[in-house]
Amino acid sequence: MATNNVTLIGNLVEDPELRFTPSGVAMAKIRIAVNRRWRDQGGEWQEQTSFFGGTLWREAAENAAESLQKGTRVIVAGSLEQRQWETQEGDKRSVVELRIDEIGPSLRWATASVTKTARDGGDWGGSKPAPAAPVARDDYGPDEAPF
């Protein structure tokens, strides 16, 4: 069985963009700049920056939009997924994006204050205890696919 787990550390290129699906589910898009620095054979420092886009859903999306802003150094954990589409001109396009499970500020060069959010008693929230095993969800709206 193949796994697809990714952890990235980088800086937000812009503020998280919070939107809602027609069914009212929160979704946030983010873009991260990840820098790689190394010395070449001549001993000179070289640097390369890669940019990655990703999506958060539900409470994580709302929390990220409220807590993070452009320039924040973040740690992101999730998986990669590829999307393909065709333009109106018939050109095929493809992009690899992050399906984000967890995101938080990096504390290597910063501090953070954590405030637990109130839950409404939905899945695993409120006063209900978490189930012993993960629960399959079937409440995805038409604009969201379960992964």
N, C-alpha and C. Protein backbone atom coordinates (compact mmCIF):
# COMPACT_ATOMS: atom_id res chain seq x y z
N MET A 1 0.84 -1.18 0.00
CA MET A 1 0.00 0.00 0.00
C MET A 1 0.89 1.24 0.00
N ALA A 2 0.68 2.13 -0.95
CA ALA A 2 1.47 3.35 -1.05
C ALA A 2 0.92 4.42 -0.11
N THR A 3 1.82 5.23 0.39
CA THR A 3 1.40 6.35 1.23
C THR A 3 1.80 7.64 0.55
N ASN A 4 1.13 8.69 0.92
CA ASN A 4 1.35 10.00 0.33
C ASN A 4 1.27 11.02 1.45
N ASN A 5 2.35 11.13 2.22
CA ASN A 5 2.39 12.08 3.32
C ASN A 5 3.47 13.12 3.05
N VAL A 6 3.14 14.39 3.27
CA VAL A 6 4.06 15.47 3.00
C VAL A 6 4.06 16.42 4.20
N THR A 7 5.25 16.87 4.58
CA THR A 7 5.38 17.92 5.58
C THR A 7 6.24 19.02 4.97
N LEU A 8 5.73 20.24 4.97
CA LEU A 8 6.46 21.38 4.43
C LEU A 8 6.60 22.45 5.50
N ILE A 9 7.72 23.15 5.48
CA ILE A 9 7.94 24.29 6.35
C ILE A 9 8.30 25.46 5.44
N GLY A 10 7.54 26.53 5.55
CA GLY A 10 7.79 27.69 4.70
C GLY A 10 6.99 28.89 5.17
N ASN A 11 6.97 29.92 4.34
CA ASN A 11 6.27 31.16 4.69
C ASN A 11 5.05 31.35 3.81
N LEU A 12 3.96 31.85 4.41
CA LEU A 12 2.76 32.14 3.63
C LEU A 12 3.05 33.29 2.68
N VAL A 13 2.70 33.11 1.42
CA VAL A 13 2.92 34.11 0.39
C VAL A 13 1.86 35.21 0.47
N GLU A 14 0.69 34.85 0.96
CA GLU A 14 -0.43 35.80 1.09
C GLU A 14 -1.31 35.34 2.25
N ASP A 15 -2.23 36.17 2.67
CA ASP A 15 -3.17 35.78 3.71
C ASP A 15 -4.00 34.59 3.22
N PRO A 16 -4.39 33.67 4.12
CA PRO A 16 -5.28 32.58 3.70
C PRO A 16 -6.57 33.17 3.12
N GLU A 17 -7.05 32.56 2.04
CA GLU A 17 -8.27 33.03 1.37
C GLU A 17 -9.43 32.13 1.79
N LEU A 18 -10.30 32.66 2.65
CA LEU A 18 -11.43 31.90 3.17
C LEU A 18 -12.64 32.04 2.27
N ARG A 19 -13.25 30.91 1.91
CA ARG A 19 -14.48 30.86 1.11
C ARG A 19 -15.41 29.84 1.74
N PHE A 20 -16.64 29.81 1.23
CA PHE A 20 -17.62 28.83 1.70
C PHE A 20 -18.26 28.17 0.49
N THR A 21 -18.45 26.85 0.57
CA THR A 21 -19.13 26.13 -0.51
C THR A 21 -20.61 26.51 -0.47
N PRO A 22 -21.37 26.18 -1.52
CA PRO A 22 -22.80 26.47 -1.50
C PRO A 22 -23.53 25.84 -0.31
N SER A 23 -23.00 24.73 0.20
CA SER A 23 -23.63 24.09 1.35
C SER A 23 -23.14 24.67 2.68
N GLY A 24 -22.27 25.69 2.63
CA GLY A 24 -21.84 26.38 3.84
C GLY A 24 -20.57 25.85 4.49
N VAL A 25 -19.85 24.96 3.82
CA VAL A 25 -18.63 24.40 4.39
C VAL A 25 -17.46 25.35 4.12
N ALA A 26 -16.69 25.66 5.17
CA ALA A 26 -15.56 26.57 5.04
C ALA A 26 -14.40 25.90 4.32
N MET A 27 -13.73 26.67 3.47
CA MET A 27 -12.56 26.21 2.74
C MET A 27 -11.57 27.37 2.67
N ALA A 28 -10.30 27.11 2.93
CA ALA A 28 -9.29 28.16 2.82
C ALA A 28 -8.18 27.70 1.89
N LYS A 29 -7.80 28.57 1.00
CA LYS A 29 -6.67 28.32 0.10
C LYS A 29 -5.47 29.07 0.65
N ILE A 30 -4.31 28.40 0.62
CA ILE A 30 -3.07 29.06 1.04
C ILE A 30 -1.99 28.79 0.00
N ARG A 31 -0.97 29.65 0.00
CA ARG A 31 0.23 29.44 -0.82
C ARG A 31 1.43 29.60 0.09
N ILE A 32 2.38 28.67 -0.05
CA ILE A 32 3.57 28.65 0.80
C ILE A 32 4.82 28.73 -0.07
N ALA A 33 5.78 29.54 0.37
CA ALA A 33 7.10 29.60 -0.26
C ALA A 33 8.05 28.78 0.61
N VAL A 34 8.70 27.80 -0.01
CA VAL A 34 9.65 26.94 0.70
C VAL A 34 11.03 27.19 0.11
N ASN A 35 11.96 27.59 0.97
CA ASN A 35 13.31 27.91 0.53
C ASN A 35 14.26 26.75 0.81
N ARG A 36 15.15 26.50 -0.14
CA ARG A 36 16.20 25.51 0.03
C ARG A 36 17.52 26.23 -0.18
N ARG A 37 18.45 26.05 0.76
CA ARG A 37 19.72 26.75 0.71
C ARG A 37 20.84 25.73 0.82
N TRP A 38 21.87 25.87 -0.02
CA TRP A 38 22.99 24.95 0.01
C TRP A 38 24.24 25.65 -0.52
N ARG A 39 25.39 25.03 -0.25
CA ARG A 39 26.67 25.53 -0.78
C ARG A 39 27.01 24.75 -2.04
N ASP A 40 27.40 25.48 -3.07
CA ASP A 40 27.80 24.80 -4.30
C ASP A 40 29.24 24.30 -4.16
N GLN A 41 29.78 23.72 -5.23
CA GLN A 41 31.13 23.14 -5.18
C GLN A 41 32.20 24.20 -4.92
N GLY A 42 31.91 25.45 -5.26
CA GLY A 42 32.84 26.54 -5.02
C GLY A 42 32.70 27.15 -3.63
N GLY A 43 31.79 26.61 -2.81
CA GLY A 43 31.60 27.12 -1.46
C GLY A 43 30.64 28.30 -1.36
N GLU A 44 30.07 28.70 -2.48
CA GLU A 44 29.12 29.83 -2.49
C GLU A 44 27.72 29.35 -2.11
N TRP A 45 27.01 30.17 -1.34
CA TRP A 45 25.63 29.84 -0.97
C TRP A 45 24.72 30.01 -2.17
N GLN A 46 23.85 29.03 -2.38
CA GLN A 46 22.83 29.07 -3.42
C GLN A 46 21.47 28.93 -2.73
N GLU A 47 20.46 29.50 -3.35
CA GLU A 47 19.12 29.39 -2.78
C GLU A 47 18.11 29.19 -3.90
N GLN A 48 17.11 28.35 -3.60
CA GLN A 48 16.03 28.10 -4.55
C GLN A 48 14.71 28.15 -3.78
N THR A 49 13.72 28.81 -4.35
CA THR A 49 12.40 28.90 -3.71
C THR A 49 11.38 28.16 -4.55
N SER A 50 10.59 27.32 -3.89
CA SER A 50 9.49 26.61 -4.54
C SER A 50 8.19 27.09 -3.91
N PHE A 51 7.14 27.18 -4.71
CA PHE A 51 5.85 27.64 -4.24
C PHE A 51 4.84 26.51 -4.33
N PHE A 52 4.06 26.34 -3.26
CA PHE A 52 3.06 25.28 -3.19
C PHE A 52 1.72 25.86 -2.75
N GLY A 53 0.65 25.42 -3.39
CA GLY A 53 -0.69 25.82 -3.00
C GLY A 53 -1.35 24.68 -2.26
N GLY A 54 -2.27 25.02 -1.37
CA GLY A 54 -2.97 23.99 -0.62
C GLY A 54 -4.34 24.43 -0.16
N THR A 55 -5.11 23.45 0.32
CA THR A 55 -6.48 23.71 0.75
C THR A 55 -6.72 23.11 2.13
N LEU A 56 -7.40 23.88 2.97
CA LEU A 56 -7.88 23.44 4.28
C LEU A 56 -9.39 23.45 4.26
N TRP A 57 -10.01 22.60 5.07
CA TRP A 57 -11.47 22.52 5.12
C TRP A 57 -11.98 22.73 6.54
N ARG A 58 -13.22 23.14 6.62
CA ARG A 58 -14.01 23.24 7.85
C ARG A 58 -13.35 24.13 8.90
N GLU A 59 -13.32 23.67 10.15
CA GLU A 59 -12.81 24.50 11.25
C GLU A 59 -11.36 24.89 11.04
N ALA A 60 -10.56 23.97 10.48
CA ALA A 60 -9.15 24.29 10.23
C ALA A 60 -9.03 25.47 9.28
N ALA A 61 -9.92 25.54 8.29
CA ALA A 61 -9.91 26.65 7.34
C ALA A 61 -10.22 27.97 8.05
N GLU A 62 -11.25 27.96 8.87
CA GLU A 62 -11.63 29.18 9.58
C GLU A 62 -10.54 29.60 10.57
N ASN A 63 -9.97 28.63 11.29
CA ASN A 63 -8.91 28.94 12.26
C ASN A 63 -7.67 29.49 11.58
N ALA A 64 -7.30 28.92 10.43
CA ALA A 64 -6.12 29.41 9.71
C ALA A 64 -6.36 30.84 9.22
N ALA A 65 -7.55 31.09 8.67
CA ALA A 65 -7.85 32.44 8.17
C ALA A 65 -7.83 33.47 9.29
N GLU A 66 -8.24 33.08 10.48
CA GLU A 66 -8.26 34.00 11.62
C GLU A 66 -6.88 34.17 12.26
N SER A 67 -6.04 33.14 12.19
CA SER A 67 -4.79 33.12 12.95
C SER A 67 -3.54 33.46 12.16
N LEU A 68 -3.52 33.18 10.87
CA LEU A 68 -2.30 33.29 10.07
C LEU A 68 -2.40 34.41 9.06
N GLN A 69 -1.27 35.01 8.73
CA GLN A 69 -1.26 36.05 7.72
C GLN A 69 0.01 35.95 6.89
N LYS A 70 0.04 36.72 5.81
CA LYS A 70 1.16 36.74 4.89
C LYS A 70 2.47 36.87 5.67
N GLY A 71 3.45 36.06 5.32
CA GLY A 71 4.76 36.11 5.96
C GLY A 71 4.93 35.16 7.13
N THR A 72 3.82 34.64 7.68
CA THR A 72 3.92 33.72 8.81
C THR A 72 4.65 32.45 8.38
N ARG A 73 5.64 32.05 9.19
CA ARG A 73 6.32 30.78 8.93
C ARG A 73 5.46 29.67 9.50
N VAL A 74 5.11 28.69 8.64
CA VAL A 74 4.18 27.64 9.04
C VAL A 74 4.76 26.25 8.78
N ILE A 75 4.21 25.29 9.50
CA ILE A 75 4.48 23.88 9.27
C ILE A 75 3.16 23.28 8.78
N VAL A 76 3.21 22.61 7.65
CA VAL A 76 2.02 22.06 7.03
C VAL A 76 2.20 20.55 6.85
N ALA A 77 1.20 19.78 7.24
CA ALA A 77 1.22 18.33 7.03
C ALA A 77 -0.03 17.95 6.24
N GLY A 78 0.13 17.08 5.27
CA GLY A 78 -1.00 16.65 4.47
C GLY A 78 -0.56 15.67 3.41
N SER A 79 -1.23 15.72 2.28
CA SER A 79 -0.91 14.83 1.17
C SER A 79 -0.98 15.62 -0.14
N LEU A 80 -0.36 15.07 -1.16
CA LEU A 80 -0.38 15.70 -2.48
C LEU A 80 -1.51 15.13 -3.31
N GLU A 81 -2.14 15.97 -4.09
CA GLU A 81 -3.14 15.49 -5.03
C GLU A 81 -2.99 16.28 -6.33
N GLN A 82 -3.27 15.61 -7.42
CA GLN A 82 -3.15 16.22 -8.73
C GLN A 82 -4.53 16.50 -9.30
N ARG A 83 -4.69 17.71 -9.84
CA ARG A 83 -5.94 18.09 -10.50
C ARG A 83 -5.64 18.32 -11.97
N GLN A 84 -6.55 17.88 -12.83
CA GLN A 84 -6.39 18.10 -14.27
C GLN A 84 -7.66 18.71 -14.83
N TRP A 85 -7.51 19.58 -15.83
CA TRP A 85 -8.66 20.19 -16.48
C TRP A 85 -8.26 20.61 -17.88
N GLU A 86 -9.26 21.01 -18.62
CA GLU A 86 -9.03 21.47 -19.98
C GLU A 86 -9.54 22.90 -20.10
N THR A 87 -8.75 23.78 -20.72
CA THR A 87 -9.14 25.17 -20.89
C THR A 87 -10.20 25.28 -21.98
N GLN A 88 -10.80 26.45 -22.12
CA GLN A 88 -11.80 26.68 -23.17
C GLN A 88 -11.19 26.52 -24.56
N GLU A 89 -9.86 26.75 -24.65
CA GLU A 89 -9.17 26.61 -25.93
C GLU A 89 -8.79 25.15 -26.20
N GLY A 90 -9.07 24.24 -25.28
CA GLY A 90 -8.76 22.83 -25.47
C GLY A 90 -7.41 22.40 -24.94
N ASP A 91 -6.67 23.31 -24.30
CA ASP A 91 -5.36 22.97 -23.74
C ASP A 91 -5.55 22.22 -22.43
N LYS A 92 -4.76 21.17 -22.24
CA LYS A 92 -4.83 20.40 -21.00
C LYS A 92 -3.91 21.03 -19.97
N ARG A 93 -4.41 21.12 -18.76
CA ARG A 93 -3.66 21.70 -17.65
C ARG A 93 -3.66 20.72 -16.49
N SER A 94 -2.64 20.86 -15.64
CA SER A 94 -2.51 19.99 -14.49
C SER A 94 -1.77 20.75 -13.39
N VAL A 95 -2.14 20.49 -12.14
CA VAL A 95 -1.47 21.12 -11.00
C VAL A 95 -1.43 20.11 -9.85
N VAL A 96 -0.35 20.14 -9.09
CA VAL A 96 -0.23 19.33 -7.88
C VAL A 96 -0.41 20.26 -6.70
N GLU A 97 -1.35 19.92 -5.81
CA GLU A 97 -1.67 20.76 -4.66
C GLU A 97 -1.60 19.95 -3.37
N LEU A 98 -1.57 20.67 -2.26
CA LEU A 98 -1.57 20.04 -0.94
C LEU A 98 -2.98 19.92 -0.42
N ARG A 99 -3.33 18.75 0.03
CA ARG A 99 -4.58 18.54 0.79
C ARG A 99 -4.13 18.60 2.25
N ILE A 100 -4.38 19.71 2.91
CA ILE A 100 -3.79 19.98 4.23
C ILE A 100 -4.63 19.38 5.34
N ASP A 101 -3.97 18.57 6.17
CA ASP A 101 -4.61 17.99 7.35
C ASP A 101 -4.34 18.83 8.58
N GLU A 102 -3.12 19.36 8.69
CA GLU A 102 -2.71 20.15 9.85
C GLU A 102 -1.86 21.32 9.40
N ILE A 103 -2.02 22.44 10.09
CA ILE A 103 -1.18 23.62 9.82
C ILE A 103 -1.00 24.37 11.13
N GLY A 104 0.17 24.93 11.31
CA GLY A 104 0.42 25.72 12.50
C GLY A 104 1.64 26.59 12.31
N PRO A 105 1.80 27.58 13.16
CA PRO A 105 2.97 28.45 13.06
C PRO A 105 4.22 27.69 13.48
N SER A 106 5.32 27.97 12.82
CA SER A 106 6.61 27.42 13.23
C SER A 106 7.12 28.24 14.41
N LEU A 107 7.61 27.58 15.41
CA LEU A 107 8.09 28.27 16.61
C LEU A 107 9.61 28.34 16.67
N ARG A 108 10.27 28.11 15.55
CA ARG A 108 11.72 28.17 15.52
C ARG A 108 12.22 29.59 15.76
N TRP A 109 11.58 30.58 15.14
CA TRP A 109 11.99 31.97 15.30
C TRP A 109 10.84 32.87 15.74
N ALA A 110 9.82 32.28 16.35
CA ALA A 110 8.66 33.07 16.77
C ALA A 110 7.99 32.40 17.96
N THR A 111 7.08 33.12 18.59
CA THR A 111 6.25 32.55 19.63
C THR A 111 4.80 32.62 19.17
N ALA A 112 3.95 31.83 19.79
CA ALA A 112 2.54 31.84 19.44
C ALA A 112 1.72 31.69 20.70
N SER A 113 0.54 32.24 20.67
CA SER A 113 -0.41 32.08 21.76
C SER A 113 -1.56 31.23 21.23
N VAL A 114 -1.80 30.10 21.89
CA VAL A 114 -2.83 29.18 21.42
C VAL A 114 -4.11 29.38 22.21
N THR A 115 -5.22 29.52 21.49
CA THR A 115 -6.53 29.65 22.10
C THR A 115 -7.41 28.56 21.52
N LYS A 116 -7.92 27.69 22.37
CA LYS A 116 -8.78 26.61 21.90
C LYS A 116 -10.12 27.20 21.48
N THR A 117 -10.62 26.76 20.33
CA THR A 117 -11.90 27.27 19.84
C THR A 117 -13.04 26.44 20.43
N ALA A 118 -14.19 27.07 20.55
CA ALA A 118 -15.38 26.37 21.04
C ALA A 118 -15.91 25.47 19.94
N ARG A 119 -16.41 24.32 20.31
CA ARG A 119 -16.97 23.37 19.35
C ARG A 119 -18.47 23.35 19.49
N ASP A 120 -19.16 22.97 18.41
CA ASP A 120 -20.62 22.94 18.43
C ASP A 120 -21.19 21.55 18.74
N GLY A 121 -20.32 20.59 19.05
CA GLY A 121 -20.81 19.25 19.36
C GLY A 121 -20.91 18.35 18.16
N GLY A 122 -20.39 18.82 17.00
CA GLY A 122 -20.40 18.00 15.80
C GLY A 122 -19.38 16.88 15.91
N ASP A 123 -18.89 16.44 14.77
CA ASP A 123 -17.93 15.34 14.74
C ASP A 123 -16.80 15.58 15.73
N TRP A 124 -16.70 14.74 16.72
CA TRP A 124 -15.62 14.71 17.70
C TRP A 124 -15.55 15.98 18.54
N GLY A 125 -16.50 16.89 18.43
CA GLY A 125 -16.41 18.14 19.15
C GLY A 125 -17.32 18.18 20.35
N GLY A 126 -17.35 19.32 21.00
CA GLY A 126 -18.23 19.52 22.14
C GLY A 126 -17.90 18.58 23.28
N SER A 127 -18.93 18.11 23.96
CA SER A 127 -18.71 17.26 25.12
C SER A 127 -18.69 15.78 24.76
N LYS A 128 -18.90 15.45 23.50
CA LYS A 128 -18.89 14.05 23.10
C LYS A 128 -17.44 13.54 23.08
N PRO A 129 -17.19 12.35 23.59
CA PRO A 129 -15.84 11.81 23.48
C PRO A 129 -15.53 11.40 22.05
N ALA A 130 -14.26 11.43 21.69
CA ALA A 130 -13.86 10.99 20.35
C ALA A 130 -14.09 9.51 20.22
N PRO A 131 -14.52 9.06 19.04
CA PRO A 131 -14.72 7.63 18.85
C PRO A 131 -13.38 6.89 18.91
N ALA A 132 -13.45 5.60 19.19
CA ALA A 132 -12.25 4.79 19.32
C ALA A 132 -11.53 4.64 17.99
N ALA A 133 -12.25 4.65 16.89
CA ALA A 133 -11.66 4.51 15.57
C ALA A 133 -12.20 5.62 14.68
N PRO A 134 -11.45 6.00 13.62
CA PRO A 134 -11.96 7.04 12.71
C PRO A 134 -13.32 6.67 12.15
N VAL A 135 -14.14 7.68 11.93
CA VAL A 135 -15.49 7.48 11.42
C VAL A 135 -15.54 7.95 9.97
N ALA A 136 -16.10 7.15 9.09
CA ALA A 136 -16.26 7.56 7.70
C ALA A 136 -17.30 8.65 7.64
N ARG A 137 -17.00 9.69 6.87
CA ARG A 137 -17.92 10.80 6.76
C ARG A 137 -18.67 10.71 5.45
N ASP A 138 -19.95 11.05 5.48
CA ASP A 138 -20.73 11.05 4.25
C ASP A 138 -21.49 12.36 4.08
N ASP A 139 -21.00 13.42 4.74
CA ASP A 139 -21.71 14.70 4.66
C ASP A 139 -20.98 15.70 3.77
N TYR A 140 -20.22 15.21 2.80
CA TYR A 140 -19.54 16.11 1.89
C TYR A 140 -20.53 16.71 0.93
N GLY A 141 -20.35 17.99 0.66
CA GLY A 141 -21.22 18.68 -0.28
C GLY A 141 -20.83 18.38 -1.71
N PRO A 142 -21.58 18.90 -2.68
CA PRO A 142 -21.31 18.62 -4.08
C PRO A 142 -19.99 19.18 -4.56
N ASP A 143 -19.46 20.20 -3.89
CA ASP A 143 -18.22 20.82 -4.31
C ASP A 143 -17.01 20.25 -3.61
N GLU A 144 -17.18 19.25 -2.80
CA GLU A 144 -16.06 18.71 -2.05
C GLU A 144 -16.05 17.20 -2.17
N ALA A 145 -14.91 16.70 -2.46
CA ALA A 145 -14.78 15.25 -2.61
C ALA A 145 -14.04 14.70 -1.41
N PRO A 146 -14.49 13.61 -0.84
CA PRO A 146 -13.75 13.02 0.27
C PRO A 146 -12.46 12.40 -0.24
N PHE A 147 -11.40 12.57 0.51
CA PHE A 147 -10.10 12.02 0.08
C PHE A 147 -9.61 11.04 1.10
